[in-house]
Amino acid sequence: MTRVAQKPTRGWVVVNLGLVLAVVSTAVSIVGASHDCRQAYARLQALQTGQWNMQEQWGKLLLEQSTWAAHHRVEQLARRELGMRLPKAVELDVVTP
């Protein structure tokens, strides 16, 4: 038995072209999605780096604030720059309700 090569029908050509177009469009979509994913990941990394920097800066600012507001420092400034002092016992007036 010998097989005779048959000429492809128009229907099969259309089906094959449709499948080729589907494969190509799927491949292009995958490339686009991969590119978008990489861009989003790079943006995420940049935002996380920024977040880490801001947290570090926030910690430094809290430390600086606690240093400036320390009781000992405030008392020294009040005495030196404003001339404040603790009142003597005779200068106190006690008010009762």
N, C-alpha and C. Protein backbone atom coordinates (compact mmCIF):
# COMPACT_ATOMS: atom_id res chain seq x y z
N MET A 1 0.80 -1.17 0.00
CA MET A 1 0.00 0.00 0.00
C MET A 1 0.86 1.25 0.00
N THR A 2 0.62 2.00 -0.93
CA THR A 2 1.32 3.27 -1.01
C THR A 2 0.34 4.38 -0.70
N ARG A 3 0.87 5.31 0.01
CA ARG A 3 0.01 6.45 0.36
C ARG A 3 0.23 7.56 -0.64
N VAL A 4 -0.81 8.14 -0.97
CA VAL A 4 -0.74 9.26 -1.89
C VAL A 4 -0.87 10.53 -1.07
N ALA A 5 0.06 11.45 -1.27
CA ALA A 5 0.00 12.71 -0.53
C ALA A 5 -1.23 13.48 -0.95
N GLN A 6 -1.97 13.85 0.04
CA GLN A 6 -3.19 14.59 -0.26
C GLN A 6 -2.93 16.08 -0.07
N LYS A 7 -3.54 16.84 -0.87
CA LYS A 7 -3.42 18.28 -0.79
C LYS A 7 -4.28 18.75 0.40
N PRO A 8 -3.68 19.58 1.29
CA PRO A 8 -4.46 20.04 2.44
C PRO A 8 -5.66 20.86 1.99
N THR A 9 -6.72 20.64 2.66
CA THR A 9 -7.94 21.39 2.30
C THR A 9 -7.87 22.78 2.89
N ARG A 10 -8.70 23.64 2.40
CA ARG A 10 -8.74 25.03 2.84
C ARG A 10 -9.08 25.11 4.33
N GLY A 11 -9.92 24.23 4.80
CA GLY A 11 -10.32 24.24 6.21
C GLY A 11 -9.14 23.97 7.14
N TRP A 12 -8.28 23.00 6.74
CA TRP A 12 -7.11 22.69 7.57
C TRP A 12 -6.11 23.82 7.58
N VAL A 13 -5.97 24.49 6.48
CA VAL A 13 -5.05 25.63 6.39
C VAL A 13 -5.52 26.73 7.35
N VAL A 14 -6.80 26.98 7.35
CA VAL A 14 -7.36 28.01 8.24
C VAL A 14 -7.16 27.61 9.70
N VAL A 15 -7.41 26.36 10.01
CA VAL A 15 -7.23 25.87 11.38
C VAL A 15 -5.77 26.00 11.80
N ASN A 16 -4.85 25.59 10.92
CA ASN A 16 -3.42 25.69 11.24
C ASN A 16 -2.98 27.14 11.42
N LEU A 17 -3.45 28.03 10.56
CA LEU A 17 -3.12 29.45 10.72
C LEU A 17 -3.68 30.00 12.03
N GLY A 18 -4.88 29.59 12.34
CA GLY A 18 -5.47 30.03 13.61
C GLY A 18 -4.66 29.55 14.80
N LEU A 19 -4.21 28.31 14.75
CA LEU A 19 -3.39 27.78 15.85
C LEU A 19 -2.05 28.49 15.95
N VAL A 20 -1.44 28.77 14.80
CA VAL A 20 -0.16 29.50 14.80
C VAL A 20 -0.35 30.89 15.39
N LEU A 21 -1.42 31.57 14.98
CA LEU A 21 -1.70 32.90 15.54
C LEU A 21 -1.96 32.83 17.04
N ALA A 22 -2.66 31.80 17.48
CA ALA A 22 -2.93 31.65 18.91
C ALA A 22 -1.64 31.42 19.69
N VAL A 23 -0.76 30.60 19.15
CA VAL A 23 0.52 30.33 19.83
C VAL A 23 1.38 31.59 19.87
N VAL A 24 1.44 32.31 18.77
CA VAL A 24 2.25 33.54 18.72
C VAL A 24 1.68 34.59 19.67
N SER A 25 0.37 34.77 19.65
CA SER A 25 -0.23 35.77 20.54
C SER A 25 -0.06 35.38 22.00
N THR A 26 -0.13 34.09 22.31
CA THR A 26 0.11 33.64 23.68
C THR A 26 1.55 33.91 24.08
N ALA A 27 2.49 33.66 23.19
CA ALA A 27 3.91 33.91 23.49
C ALA A 27 4.16 35.39 23.73
N VAL A 28 3.57 36.25 22.91
CA VAL A 28 3.73 37.69 23.09
C VAL A 28 3.10 38.13 24.42
N SER A 29 1.96 37.57 24.76
CA SER A 29 1.31 37.89 26.03
C SER A 29 2.17 37.47 27.21
N ILE A 30 2.80 36.31 27.12
CA ILE A 30 3.66 35.83 28.20
C ILE A 30 4.87 36.74 28.36
N VAL A 31 5.46 37.15 27.24
CA VAL A 31 6.60 38.06 27.31
C VAL A 31 6.18 39.38 27.95
N GLY A 32 5.04 39.91 27.57
CA GLY A 32 4.54 41.16 28.15
C GLY A 32 4.26 41.02 29.64
N ALA A 33 3.65 39.92 30.03
CA ALA A 33 3.36 39.70 31.44
C ALA A 33 4.64 39.55 32.25
N SER A 34 5.63 38.87 31.70
CA SER A 34 6.92 38.72 32.39
C SER A 34 7.59 40.08 32.56
N HIS A 35 7.53 40.90 31.52
CA HIS A 35 8.12 42.24 31.60
C HIS A 35 7.41 43.08 32.66
N ASP A 36 6.09 43.05 32.68
CA ASP A 36 5.33 43.80 33.68
C ASP A 36 5.66 43.31 35.09
N CYS A 37 5.81 42.00 35.24
CA CYS A 37 6.14 41.43 36.54
C CYS A 37 7.51 41.90 37.01
N ARG A 38 8.47 41.92 36.10
CA ARG A 38 9.82 42.38 36.47
C ARG A 38 9.81 43.86 36.85
N GLN A 39 9.05 44.66 36.12
CA GLN A 39 8.96 46.08 36.45
C GLN A 39 8.30 46.28 37.81
N ALA A 40 7.24 45.52 38.08
CA ALA A 40 6.56 45.64 39.37
C ALA A 40 7.48 45.20 40.51
N TYR A 41 8.27 44.16 40.29
CA TYR A 41 9.19 43.69 41.33
C TYR A 41 10.29 44.72 41.59
N ALA A 42 10.79 45.33 40.52
CA ALA A 42 11.81 46.37 40.68
C ALA A 42 11.24 47.55 41.46
N ARG A 43 10.00 47.91 41.17
CA ARG A 43 9.34 49.01 41.90
C ARG A 43 9.15 48.64 43.36
N LEU A 44 8.75 47.39 43.62
CA LEU A 44 8.60 46.91 44.99
C LEU A 44 9.92 47.00 45.75
N GLN A 45 11.01 46.58 45.11
CA GLN A 45 12.32 46.65 45.76
C GLN A 45 12.69 48.09 46.08
N ALA A 46 12.42 49.01 45.16
CA ALA A 46 12.72 50.42 45.40
C ALA A 46 11.88 50.97 46.56
N LEU A 47 10.61 50.60 46.61
CA LEU A 47 9.75 51.06 47.70
C LEU A 47 10.18 50.48 49.03
N GLN A 48 10.59 49.21 49.05
CA GLN A 48 11.04 48.60 50.30
C GLN A 48 12.33 49.24 50.78
N THR A 49 13.22 49.60 49.86
CA THR A 49 14.44 50.30 50.24
C THR A 49 14.10 51.67 50.82
N GLY A 50 13.17 52.37 50.18
CA GLY A 50 12.72 53.66 50.71
C GLY A 50 12.09 53.52 52.09
N GLN A 51 11.31 52.47 52.28
CA GLN A 51 10.67 52.24 53.57
C GLN A 51 11.73 52.00 54.64
N TRP A 52 12.75 51.20 54.33
CA TRP A 52 13.80 50.91 55.28
C TRP A 52 14.54 52.20 55.65
N ASN A 53 14.82 53.04 54.65
CA ASN A 53 15.50 54.32 54.91
C ASN A 53 14.66 55.23 55.78
N MET A 54 13.35 55.26 55.52
CA MET A 54 12.47 56.10 56.33
C MET A 54 12.36 55.59 57.77
N GLN A 55 12.32 54.28 57.94
CA GLN A 55 12.27 53.73 59.30
C GLN A 55 13.55 54.06 60.06
N GLU A 56 14.68 53.98 59.37
CA GLU A 56 15.95 54.33 60.00
C GLU A 56 15.96 55.80 60.39
N GLN A 57 15.51 56.65 59.51
CA GLN A 57 15.45 58.08 59.79
C GLN A 57 14.49 58.37 60.95
N TRP A 58 13.34 57.68 60.98
CA TRP A 58 12.37 57.86 62.05
C TRP A 58 12.99 57.49 63.40
N GLY A 59 13.73 56.40 63.43
CA GLY A 59 14.41 56.00 64.67
C GLY A 59 15.40 57.04 65.14
N LYS A 60 16.15 57.61 64.20
CA LYS A 60 17.11 58.66 64.56
C LYS A 60 16.39 59.90 65.08
N LEU A 61 15.27 60.25 64.45
CA LEU A 61 14.51 61.42 64.90
C LEU A 61 13.92 61.21 66.30
N LEU A 62 13.45 60.00 66.57
CA LEU A 62 12.94 59.71 67.92
C LEU A 62 14.04 59.82 68.96
N LEU A 63 15.21 59.32 68.62
CA LEU A 63 16.35 59.42 69.54
C LEU A 63 16.73 60.87 69.77
N GLU A 64 16.75 61.65 68.70
CA GLU A 64 17.07 63.07 68.83
C GLU A 64 16.02 63.80 69.67
N GLN A 65 14.75 63.46 69.45
CA GLN A 65 13.68 64.10 70.22
C GLN A 65 13.81 63.77 71.70
N SER A 66 14.09 62.52 72.01
CA SER A 66 14.22 62.16 73.43
C SER A 66 15.44 62.82 74.05
N THR A 67 16.48 63.06 73.26
CA THR A 67 17.66 63.76 73.78
C THR A 67 17.34 65.22 74.08
N TRP A 68 16.65 65.88 73.16
CA TRP A 68 16.31 67.29 73.36
C TRP A 68 15.30 67.48 74.49
N ALA A 69 14.45 66.51 74.72
CA ALA A 69 13.40 66.66 75.72
C ALA A 69 13.77 66.03 77.06
N ALA A 70 15.01 65.61 77.22
CA ALA A 70 15.43 64.99 78.47
C ALA A 70 15.24 65.97 79.63
N HIS A 71 14.79 65.47 80.76
CA HIS A 71 14.47 66.31 81.92
C HIS A 71 15.70 67.12 82.36
N HIS A 72 16.84 66.48 82.41
CA HIS A 72 18.05 67.16 82.86
C HIS A 72 18.39 68.34 81.95
N ARG A 73 18.28 68.14 80.65
CA ARG A 73 18.59 69.20 79.70
C ARG A 73 17.60 70.36 79.81
N VAL A 74 16.32 70.05 79.93
CA VAL A 74 15.30 71.10 80.07
C VAL A 74 15.54 71.89 81.34
N GLU A 75 15.89 71.22 82.42
CA GLU A 75 16.15 71.91 83.69
C GLU A 75 17.37 72.82 83.56
N GLN A 76 18.43 72.36 82.90
CA GLN A 76 19.62 73.20 82.71
C GLN A 76 19.29 74.44 81.89
N LEU A 77 18.52 74.28 80.82
CA LEU A 77 18.16 75.44 79.99
C LEU A 77 17.29 76.42 80.77
N ALA A 78 16.38 75.89 81.58
CA ALA A 78 15.51 76.77 82.37
C ALA A 78 16.33 77.59 83.36
N ARG A 79 17.30 76.96 83.97
CA ARG A 79 18.14 77.69 84.94
C ARG A 79 19.05 78.70 84.23
N ARG A 80 19.73 78.26 83.19
CA ARG A 80 20.74 79.08 82.54
C ARG A 80 20.14 80.18 81.68
N GLU A 81 19.21 79.85 80.80
CA GLU A 81 18.72 80.83 79.83
C GLU A 81 17.53 81.64 80.33
N LEU A 82 16.71 81.04 81.18
CA LEU A 82 15.51 81.74 81.63
C LEU A 82 15.62 82.22 83.07
N GLY A 83 16.71 81.83 83.74
CA GLY A 83 16.91 82.26 85.12
C GLY A 83 15.89 81.66 86.07
N MET A 84 15.34 80.52 85.76
CA MET A 84 14.34 79.89 86.61
C MET A 84 15.04 79.13 87.73
N ARG A 85 14.33 79.00 88.85
CA ARG A 85 14.83 78.24 89.98
C ARG A 85 13.66 77.63 90.73
N LEU A 86 13.95 76.68 91.58
CA LEU A 86 12.89 76.11 92.42
C LEU A 86 12.51 77.13 93.48
N PRO A 87 11.24 77.27 93.79
CA PRO A 87 10.84 78.23 94.83
C PRO A 87 11.25 77.71 96.22
N LYS A 88 11.52 78.66 97.10
CA LYS A 88 11.84 78.30 98.48
C LYS A 88 10.54 77.96 99.20
N ALA A 89 10.64 77.28 100.31
CA ALA A 89 9.46 76.84 101.05
C ALA A 89 8.60 78.02 101.49
N VAL A 90 9.20 79.14 101.84
CA VAL A 90 8.43 80.30 102.30
C VAL A 90 7.69 80.97 101.16
N GLU A 91 8.10 80.69 99.90
CA GLU A 91 7.47 81.31 98.75
C GLU A 91 6.26 80.51 98.24
N LEU A 92 6.05 79.34 98.79
CA LEU A 92 4.96 78.49 98.35
C LEU A 92 3.66 78.83 99.08
N ASP A 93 2.59 78.86 98.33
CA ASP A 93 1.26 79.01 98.90
C ASP A 93 0.47 77.75 98.56
N VAL A 94 -0.07 77.11 99.57
CA VAL A 94 -0.86 75.90 99.36
C VAL A 94 -2.33 76.30 99.29
N VAL A 95 -2.99 75.89 98.26
CA VAL A 95 -4.40 76.20 98.06
C VAL A 95 -5.19 74.93 98.29
N THR A 96 -6.16 75.01 99.15
CA THR A 96 -7.01 73.85 99.39
C THR A 96 -8.36 74.07 98.74
N PRO A 97 -8.98 73.02 98.28
CA PRO A 97 -10.27 73.18 97.61
C PRO A 97 -11.40 73.55 98.55
